[in-house]
Amino acid sequence: MTLKPWLAAVFASAFALGGGSATAQSNTIQEIEKYRQGLQDGNPAELHEMKGEELWKEKRGPKKASLEQCDLGLGAGVVKGVYAKLPRYFKDSNKVEDLESRLVTCMITLQGFTLAEVTRRVFSSPSRPADMEALVAYVTALSRGAAMEVTLKHPKEKQAYQTGEKIFFHRAGPHDFACATCHGSDNIRIRLQDLPNLTEKGAAQRAYTSWPAYRVSQGETRSFQWRLNDCFRQQRFPNLEYVSEASIALTTYLAVNANGGKLTAPAIKR
């Protein structure tokens, strides 16, 4: 991806400011934000959204069926606004599901895929885009502007939230890290990256509602399951199993913390 000259200059100036005083660091954040805003109008995630819409409507799998009858929580085939209410409990699967696990459920039940087939390649590589991330981009985009509204009415939703909270604060691994090590306090940053305090409502709303997101450095739209997996990698934890109970519990905790925030995803990240 080739940057426009003025955007490249903004990004370069942001890096140049990185090692200075608190004022310089504040300027760095402002310059990076200008860079993101400059790219947002032409967010390449739109291409993935279009691909996702095609996949949603395409008849695939052993049953030669589309996903147009998939119930994401607001009724069969309803896509608009659903992401703002996920994760949630689904009676047919008898479990709490986030967007990706629900798509997996629908691909198995409606299209006839096996779990192994659906989860064989869920994250994109430079030469091989993943269908799942395109589907996620499509569904998420249809909730832009909606306010997060994840409920804890069902006992399993409450349990997921409580489990997710425990995971967030659990310290382990070779560095004795927890999610809260980087995301449980104010004014923490790694190099040029400011780290949001996900226990604070305003910061949680801004951070959570911008994912999934297009990563400029990778040239791909990344899902929230990918984001969690990458955080576990950086903590030197074992790989987080895709759409595992633990991943959905952690997502539930973070989503509830972001309630009230308006979705901007798929947003754009460096």
Protein backbone atom coordinates (compact mmCIF):
# COMPACT_ATOMS: atom_id res chain seq x y z
CA MET A 1 0.00 0.00 0.00
CA THR A 2 1.50 3.38 -1.07
CA LEU A 3 0.91 6.28 1.28
CA LYS A 4 0.01 9.73 0.03
CA PRO A 5 3.02 12.07 0.48
CA TRP A 6 1.37 14.16 3.21
CA LEU A 7 0.38 11.05 5.15
CA ALA A 8 3.88 9.67 4.91
CA ALA A 9 5.20 12.97 6.25
CA VAL A 10 2.77 12.91 9.16
CA PHE A 11 3.76 9.37 10.06
CA ALA A 12 7.46 10.17 9.79
CA SER A 13 7.09 13.20 12.02
CA ALA A 14 5.29 11.10 14.59
CA PHE A 15 8.19 8.66 14.75
CA ALA A 16 10.68 11.50 14.99
CA LEU A 17 8.92 12.84 18.05
CA GLY A 18 8.82 9.49 19.82
CA GLY A 19 11.78 9.75 22.15
CA GLY A 20 11.35 13.23 23.62
CA SER A 21 9.55 14.84 26.52
CA ALA A 22 5.99 14.35 27.69
CA THR A 23 4.98 17.20 25.37
CA ALA A 24 6.66 15.48 22.45
CA GLN A 25 4.92 12.22 23.32
CA SER A 26 1.58 14.02 23.41
CA ASN A 27 2.35 15.48 19.98
CA THR A 28 3.22 11.99 18.76
CA ILE A 29 -0.21 10.68 19.72
CA GLN A 30 -1.88 13.63 18.01
CA GLU A 31 0.12 13.13 14.81
CA ILE A 32 -0.64 9.41 14.69
CA GLU A 33 -4.32 10.18 15.19
CA LYS A 34 -4.19 12.62 12.26
CA TYR A 35 -2.61 9.84 10.21
CA ARG A 36 -5.43 7.44 11.09
CA GLN A 37 -8.11 10.02 10.34
CA GLY A 38 -6.47 10.78 7.00
CA LEU A 39 -6.68 7.16 5.96
CA GLN A 40 -10.16 6.48 7.30
CA ASP A 41 -12.03 7.89 4.32
CA GLY A 42 -10.33 5.37 2.06
CA ASN A 43 -10.20 2.51 4.54
CA PRO A 44 -9.17 -0.65 2.62
CA ALA A 45 -11.40 -2.64 4.99
CA GLU A 46 -14.19 -1.67 2.60
CA LEU A 47 -12.79 -4.16 0.09
CA HIS A 48 -12.96 -6.90 2.71
CA GLU A 49 -16.51 -5.85 3.59
CA MET A 50 -17.51 -6.31 -0.06
CA LYS A 51 -15.88 -9.74 -0.16
CA GLY A 52 -17.65 -10.64 3.07
CA GLU A 53 -21.03 -9.69 1.62
CA GLU A 54 -20.37 -11.98 -1.35
CA LEU A 55 -19.48 -14.84 1.00
CA TRP A 56 -22.58 -14.19 3.11
CA LYS A 57 -24.83 -14.58 0.07
CA GLU A 58 -22.89 -17.32 -1.74
CA LYS A 59 -24.24 -20.88 -1.61
CA ARG A 60 -21.37 -22.96 -0.25
CA GLY A 61 -20.56 -26.16 1.59
CA PRO A 62 -22.00 -29.66 1.31
CA LYS A 63 -25.54 -28.27 1.73
CA LYS A 64 -25.03 -25.62 -0.99
CA ALA A 65 -26.55 -22.98 1.23
CA SER A 66 -25.84 -19.32 1.95
CA LEU A 67 -25.57 -17.69 5.36
CA GLU A 68 -28.59 -15.50 4.72
CA GLN A 69 -30.67 -17.49 7.24
CA CYS A 70 -27.99 -17.31 9.94
CA ASP A 71 -29.38 -15.95 13.21
CA LEU A 72 -26.77 -13.64 14.72
CA GLY A 73 -29.06 -12.71 17.58
CA LEU A 74 -31.76 -10.52 16.06
CA GLY A 75 -33.44 -13.13 13.90
CA ALA A 76 -32.59 -15.22 10.86
CA GLY A 77 -30.85 -13.14 8.19
CA VAL A 78 -30.72 -9.91 10.23
CA VAL A 79 -27.24 -8.39 10.08
CA LYS A 80 -27.69 -4.69 10.77
CA GLY A 81 -26.93 -3.81 14.37
CA VAL A 82 -26.12 -7.34 15.55
CA TYR A 83 -22.47 -6.74 16.39
CA ALA A 84 -23.41 -4.16 19.03
CA LYS A 85 -25.19 -6.90 21.01
CA LEU A 86 -22.52 -9.60 20.86
CA PRO A 87 -21.40 -11.76 22.65
CA ARG A 88 -24.74 -13.17 23.80
CA TYR A 89 -26.40 -16.44 24.80
CA PHE A 90 -27.92 -18.52 21.99
CA LYS A 91 -30.53 -21.10 22.92
CA ASP A 92 -29.89 -23.36 19.91
CA SER A 93 -26.22 -23.86 20.80
CA ASN A 94 -26.80 -23.44 24.55
CA LYS A 95 -23.74 -21.24 24.92
CA VAL A 96 -22.52 -17.68 24.80
CA GLU A 97 -21.11 -16.84 21.39
CA ASP A 98 -19.25 -13.91 19.90
CA LEU A 99 -19.54 -13.02 16.20
CA GLU A 100 -16.89 -15.46 15.02
CA SER A 101 -18.12 -18.43 17.01
CA ARG A 102 -21.67 -17.72 15.83
CA LEU A 103 -20.51 -17.64 12.21
CA VAL A 104 -18.79 -20.98 12.83
CA THR A 105 -22.05 -22.38 14.21
CA CYS A 106 -24.01 -21.20 11.16
CA MET A 107 -21.43 -22.49 8.69
CA ILE A 108 -21.68 -25.92 10.32
CA THR A 109 -25.47 -26.10 10.75
CA LEU A 110 -26.60 -24.26 7.60
CA GLN A 111 -23.83 -25.01 5.11
CA GLY A 112 -22.69 -28.42 6.33
CA PHE A 113 -19.04 -27.65 6.89
CA THR A 114 -17.17 -29.50 9.64
CA LEU A 115 -15.59 -27.64 12.54
CA ALA A 116 -12.15 -28.59 11.22
CA GLU A 117 -12.96 -27.18 7.78
CA VAL A 118 -14.33 -23.91 9.15
CA THR A 119 -11.43 -23.27 11.55
CA ARG A 120 -8.56 -24.53 9.38
CA ARG A 121 -7.58 -21.01 8.30
CA VAL A 122 -9.35 -18.16 10.07
CA PHE A 123 -6.60 -15.50 9.98
CA SER A 124 -5.23 -14.04 6.77
CA SER A 125 -1.66 -14.37 5.60
CA PRO A 126 -0.02 -11.98 3.08
CA SER A 127 -0.83 -14.22 0.13
CA ARG A 128 -3.99 -15.93 1.41
CA PRO A 129 -6.90 -13.81 2.67
CA ALA A 130 -9.19 -15.62 5.12
CA ASP A 131 -12.90 -15.85 4.40
CA MET A 132 -13.70 -15.52 8.10
CA GLU A 133 -12.07 -12.10 8.43
CA ALA A 134 -13.99 -10.89 5.36
CA LEU A 135 -17.28 -12.11 6.84
CA VAL A 136 -16.43 -10.41 10.12
CA ALA A 137 -15.70 -7.14 8.30
CA TYR A 138 -19.05 -7.28 6.47
CA VAL A 139 -21.16 -7.99 9.54
CA THR A 140 -19.32 -5.51 11.75
CA ALA A 141 -19.62 -2.68 9.23
CA LEU A 142 -23.41 -2.93 9.36
CA SER A 143 -23.32 -1.94 13.03
CA ARG A 144 -21.31 1.27 12.56
CA GLY A 145 -22.82 4.03 14.66
CA ALA A 146 -24.75 1.62 16.89
CA ALA A 147 -24.15 1.78 20.63
CA MET A 148 -22.74 -1.28 22.38
CA GLU A 149 -25.45 -3.06 24.33
CA VAL A 150 -24.24 -6.40 25.64
CA THR A 151 -26.50 -7.80 28.35
CA LEU A 152 -25.90 -10.17 31.23
CA LYS A 153 -29.47 -11.41 31.60
CA HIS A 154 -28.81 -15.10 31.12
CA PRO A 155 -26.83 -17.02 33.79
CA LYS A 156 -24.32 -18.16 31.18
CA GLU A 157 -23.75 -14.54 30.11
CA LYS A 158 -23.03 -13.60 33.72
CA GLN A 159 -20.70 -16.56 34.07
CA ALA A 160 -18.85 -15.60 30.88
CA TYR A 161 -18.35 -12.05 32.15
CA GLN A 162 -17.02 -13.25 35.51
CA THR A 163 -14.68 -15.74 33.86
CA GLY A 164 -13.46 -13.08 31.44
CA GLU A 165 -12.72 -10.72 34.31
CA LYS A 166 -10.63 -13.40 36.03
CA ILE A 167 -8.70 -14.06 32.81
CA PHE A 168 -8.08 -10.33 32.33
CA PHE A 169 -6.39 -9.99 35.72
CA HIS A 170 -4.71 -13.42 35.85
CA ARG A 171 -0.91 -13.17 35.89
CA ALA A 172 1.10 -15.99 34.35
CA GLY A 173 3.75 -16.88 31.80
CA PRO A 174 7.51 -16.27 31.78
CA HIS A 175 7.06 -12.51 32.35
CA ASP A 176 4.27 -12.80 34.95
CA PHE A 177 2.00 -10.78 32.68
CA ALA A 178 -1.76 -10.32 32.65
CA CYS A 179 -4.00 -8.48 30.21
CA ALA A 180 -4.23 -5.87 32.98
CA THR A 181 -0.45 -5.39 32.95
CA CYS A 182 -0.80 -3.33 29.77
CA HIS A 183 -4.50 -2.48 29.87
CA GLY A 184 -5.36 -1.98 33.52
CA SER A 185 -3.83 1.44 34.24
CA ASP A 186 -3.77 4.92 32.75
CA ASN A 187 -0.91 6.53 30.81
CA ILE A 188 0.90 3.37 29.70
CA ARG A 189 2.53 3.12 26.30
CA ILE A 190 4.88 0.85 24.37
CA ARG A 191 7.11 2.89 22.08
CA LEU A 192 4.62 4.94 20.00
CA GLN A 193 1.59 2.92 21.02
CA ASP A 194 -0.62 4.28 23.79
CA LEU A 195 -2.30 1.42 25.66
CA PRO A 196 -5.95 2.01 26.65
CA ASN A 197 -7.07 1.24 30.18
CA LEU A 198 -9.80 -1.27 29.43
CA THR A 199 -11.13 -1.15 32.98
CA GLU A 200 -12.06 2.53 32.50
CA LYS A 201 -15.33 3.03 30.64
CA GLY A 202 -14.34 5.81 28.26
CA ALA A 203 -11.10 4.15 27.19
CA ALA A 204 -12.80 0.76 26.88
CA GLN A 205 -15.49 2.25 24.69
CA ARG A 206 -12.99 3.90 22.35
CA ALA A 207 -10.79 0.82 22.07
CA TYR A 208 -13.32 -1.98 21.80
CA THR A 209 -15.60 -0.22 19.32
CA SER A 210 -12.76 0.24 16.82
CA TRP A 211 -12.19 -3.52 16.42
CA PRO A 212 -12.18 -5.42 14.07
CA ALA A 213 -9.76 -3.17 12.21
CA TYR A 214 -7.63 -2.85 9.11
CA ARG A 215 -3.92 -3.05 10.00
CA VAL A 216 -1.89 -0.88 7.63
CA SER A 217 1.35 -2.62 8.60
CA GLN A 218 -0.12 -6.00 7.63
CA GLY A 219 -2.44 -5.04 4.80
CA GLU A 220 -5.26 -7.09 6.31
CA THR A 221 -8.51 -6.63 8.21
CA ARG A 222 -8.07 -8.33 11.56
CA SER A 223 -10.85 -9.76 13.70
CA PHE A 224 -11.23 -9.45 17.46
CA GLN A 225 -10.31 -13.10 17.95
CA TRP A 226 -7.06 -12.29 16.14
CA ARG A 227 -6.51 -9.30 18.44
CA LEU A 228 -6.89 -11.46 21.55
CA ASN A 229 -4.63 -14.15 20.12
CA ASP A 230 -1.94 -11.58 19.35
CA CYS A 231 -2.14 -10.21 22.90
CA PHE A 232 -1.64 -13.72 24.27
CA ARG A 233 1.36 -14.12 21.96
CA GLN A 234 2.91 -10.91 23.25
CA GLN A 235 2.40 -12.09 26.83
CA ARG A 236 4.24 -15.32 25.86
CA PHE A 237 1.14 -17.33 26.73
CA PRO A 238 0.16 -20.49 24.82
CA ASN A 239 -1.92 -19.82 21.71
CA LEU A 240 -5.50 -18.89 22.50
CA GLU A 241 -7.73 -21.54 20.93
CA TYR A 242 -9.95 -20.01 18.27
CA VAL A 243 -13.51 -19.31 19.50
CA SER A 244 -12.72 -21.14 22.75
CA GLU A 245 -14.82 -20.60 25.85
CA ALA A 246 -11.94 -18.59 27.31
CA SER A 247 -11.73 -16.28 24.30
CA ILE A 248 -15.47 -15.62 24.34
CA ALA A 249 -15.47 -15.02 28.10
CA LEU A 250 -12.69 -12.44 27.76
CA THR A 251 -14.52 -10.80 24.86
CA THR A 252 -17.70 -10.66 26.95
CA TYR A 253 -15.88 -8.89 29.79
CA LEU A 254 -14.36 -6.32 27.43
CA ALA A 255 -17.59 -5.80 25.47
CA VAL A 256 -19.63 -5.13 28.62
CA ASN A 257 -17.01 -2.63 29.77
CA ALA A 258 -17.52 -0.85 26.44
CA ASN A 259 -21.33 -0.66 26.69
CA GLY A 260 -22.67 2.66 25.48
CA GLY A 261 -19.76 3.30 23.12
CA LYS A 262 -20.64 3.78 19.45
CA LEU A 263 -19.08 1.35 16.99
CA THR A 264 -16.61 2.71 14.45
CA ALA A 265 -15.34 -0.70 13.29
CA PRO A 266 -13.83 -1.81 11.06
CA ALA A 267 -11.52 1.08 11.89
CA ILE A 268 -7.92 1.53 10.81
CA LYS A 269 -4.80 0.83 12.81
CA ARG A 270 -1.13 1.40 12.16
